[in-house]
């Protein structure tokens, strides 16, 4: 609620509202396609389905002490931020399944937690060992 600390920015906040809320359209479209991908491909890959309700929670708008506008904002943020986390989990699980190689280390780059057990960038020997093991299993 940092915005409440800056009443002098009220005009800037009002100007930003359409830009915030117009993002709902691409988020809903993305949500639709992610759900199709998730529920068709994950079972094909043998990856467990991610439980949506563990990520998307829309409950703050039920608080009696919030104004109508605040309730709308809370529902919006609950959905969009929850969906972003849900989408990231699906993307992470997909990357773990298909890739497993870390990115090249570069100053300022933040490695994602799910990549901690990936092969090091440029470690051809480890890659060949892994691929060789997988090929021998077949």
Protein backbone atom coordinates (compact mmCIF):
# COMPACT_ATOMS: atom_id res chain seq x y z
CA UNK A 1 0.00 0.00 0.00
CA UNK A 2 2.89 2.29 -0.63
CA UNK A 3 0.79 4.43 -2.96
CA UNK A 4 -1.12 5.77 0.07
CA UNK A 5 2.15 7.34 1.24
CA UNK A 6 2.21 9.51 -1.90
CA UNK A 7 -1.03 11.49 -2.15
CA UNK A 8 0.82 14.06 -4.27
CA UNK A 9 0.98 11.44 -7.05
CA UNK A 10 -2.80 10.97 -7.28
CA UNK A 11 -2.97 12.34 -10.84
CA UNK A 12 -0.17 9.98 -11.95
CA UNK A 13 -2.00 7.08 -10.34
CA UNK A 14 -5.22 7.94 -12.17
CA UNK A 15 -3.37 8.15 -15.49
CA UNK A 16 -1.85 4.69 -14.94
CA UNK A 17 -5.18 2.91 -14.23
CA UNK A 18 -6.11 2.14 -17.87
CA UNK A 19 -2.65 0.71 -18.50
CA UNK A 20 -2.89 -1.54 -15.46
CA UNK A 21 -6.37 -2.82 -16.26
CA UNK A 22 -5.87 -3.31 -20.00
CA UNK A 23 -3.37 -6.05 -19.08
CA UNK A 24 -6.30 -8.26 -18.06
CA UNK A 25 -6.98 -9.06 -21.72
CA UNK A 26 -3.59 -10.62 -22.56
CA UNK A 27 -3.50 -12.32 -19.13
CA UNK A 28 -6.87 -14.02 -19.72
CA UNK A 29 -5.80 -15.08 -23.23
CA UNK A 30 -2.51 -16.41 -21.87
CA UNK A 31 -4.34 -18.20 -19.06
CA UNK A 32 -6.60 -19.93 -21.59
CA UNK A 33 -3.71 -21.20 -23.72
CA UNK A 34 -1.55 -22.18 -20.73
CA UNK A 35 -4.40 -24.29 -19.38
CA UNK A 36 -4.76 -26.08 -22.72
CA UNK A 37 -1.00 -26.73 -22.88
CA UNK A 38 -0.81 -27.74 -19.22
CA UNK A 39 -3.69 -30.22 -19.27
CA UNK A 40 -2.75 -31.82 -22.59
CA UNK A 41 1.06 -31.89 -22.49
CA UNK A 42 1.86 -32.53 -18.83
CA UNK A 43 0.03 -35.88 -18.81
CA UNK A 44 1.79 -36.80 -22.07
CA UNK A 45 5.16 -36.01 -20.46
CA UNK A 46 4.31 -37.69 -17.16
CA UNK A 47 4.68 -34.38 -15.31
CA UNK A 48 2.19 -33.97 -12.44
CA UNK A 49 -0.54 -31.37 -13.02
CA UNK A 50 0.08 -28.19 -11.03
CA UNK A 51 -2.78 -27.39 -8.67
CA UNK A 52 -4.07 -23.98 -9.76
CA UNK A 53 -5.65 -23.13 -6.41
CA UNK A 54 -2.23 -23.32 -4.74
CA UNK A 55 -1.19 -20.26 -6.76
CA UNK A 56 -4.27 -18.17 -7.53
CA UNK A 57 -6.07 -16.86 -4.49
CA UNK A 58 -8.75 -14.22 -4.71
CA UNK A 59 -9.94 -13.59 -1.18
CA UNK A 60 -8.90 -10.09 -0.11
CA UNK A 61 -11.92 -8.54 -1.84
CA UNK A 62 -14.06 -10.21 0.85
CA UNK A 63 -12.67 -7.94 3.55
CA UNK A 64 -15.48 -5.73 4.81
CA UNK A 65 -13.25 -2.76 5.60
CA UNK A 66 -12.13 -2.24 1.98
CA UNK A 67 -13.91 0.17 -0.35
CA UNK A 68 -15.52 -1.16 -3.54
CA UNK A 69 -12.57 0.16 -5.61
CA UNK A 70 -10.07 -1.48 -3.28
CA UNK A 71 -11.96 -4.78 -3.49
CA UNK A 72 -11.81 -4.68 -7.30
CA UNK A 73 -8.09 -3.89 -7.16
CA UNK A 74 -7.45 -6.74 -4.71
CA UNK A 75 -9.35 -9.26 -6.82
CA UNK A 76 -7.42 -8.14 -9.91
CA UNK A 77 -4.04 -8.38 -8.20
CA UNK A 78 -4.89 -11.72 -6.61
CA UNK A 79 -5.72 -13.17 -10.02
CA UNK A 80 -2.92 -11.59 -12.08
CA UNK A 81 -0.09 -12.15 -9.59
CA UNK A 82 -1.34 -15.64 -8.74
CA UNK A 83 -1.55 -16.49 -12.43
CA UNK A 84 1.98 -15.15 -13.02
CA UNK A 85 3.31 -17.46 -10.28
CA UNK A 86 1.24 -20.39 -11.60
CA UNK A 87 2.47 -19.78 -15.16
CA UNK A 88 6.06 -19.58 -13.95
CA UNK A 89 5.69 -22.93 -12.17
CA UNK A 90 4.37 -24.54 -15.36
CA UNK A 91 7.20 -22.97 -17.39
CA UNK A 92 9.78 -24.13 -14.79
CA UNK A 93 8.45 -27.69 -14.81
CA UNK A 94 8.56 -27.65 -18.61
CA UNK A 95 12.15 -26.41 -18.64
CA UNK A 96 13.21 -29.07 -16.11
CA UNK A 97 11.67 -31.73 -18.36
CA UNK A 98 13.07 -30.54 -21.70
CA UNK A 99 16.35 -28.80 -20.92
CA UNK A 100 18.40 -29.04 -17.77
CA UNK A 101 21.38 -26.88 -18.78
CA UNK A 102 22.17 -23.69 -16.86
CA UNK A 103 22.63 -20.40 -18.65
CA UNK A 104 26.07 -18.89 -19.07
CA UNK A 105 27.09 -17.03 -15.93
CA UNK A 106 26.91 -13.30 -16.48
CA UNK A 107 27.07 -10.41 -14.06
CA UNK A 108 23.61 -9.35 -12.98
CA UNK A 109 21.87 -12.47 -14.28
CA UNK A 110 19.72 -14.12 -11.62
CA UNK A 111 19.60 -17.89 -11.86
CA UNK A 112 16.20 -19.31 -11.08
CA UNK A 113 15.92 -21.69 -8.14
CA UNK A 114 14.57 -24.58 -10.22
CA UNK A 115 17.80 -24.56 -12.26
CA UNK A 116 20.11 -25.33 -9.30
CA UNK A 117 20.50 -28.99 -10.34
CA UNK A 118 20.85 -28.28 -14.06
CA UNK A 119 24.09 -29.11 -15.84
CA UNK A 120 26.66 -26.33 -15.93
CA UNK A 121 26.79 -24.24 -19.09
CA UNK A 122 29.45 -25.61 -21.42
CA UNK A 123 29.96 -28.89 -19.50
CA UNK A 124 30.02 -31.11 -22.56
CA UNK A 125 31.29 -34.12 -20.63
CA UNK A 126 28.39 -34.04 -18.15
CA UNK A 127 25.93 -33.58 -21.02
CA UNK A 128 27.42 -36.49 -23.00
CA UNK A 129 27.38 -38.66 -19.89
CA UNK A 130 23.72 -37.85 -19.28
CA UNK A 131 22.70 -38.29 -22.91
CA UNK A 132 24.76 -41.47 -23.14
CA UNK A 133 23.04 -42.85 -20.04
CA UNK A 134 19.64 -42.00 -21.48
CA UNK A 135 20.50 -43.57 -24.84
CA UNK A 136 21.78 -46.74 -23.14
CA UNK A 137 18.49 -47.05 -21.24
CA UNK A 138 16.59 -47.34 -24.54
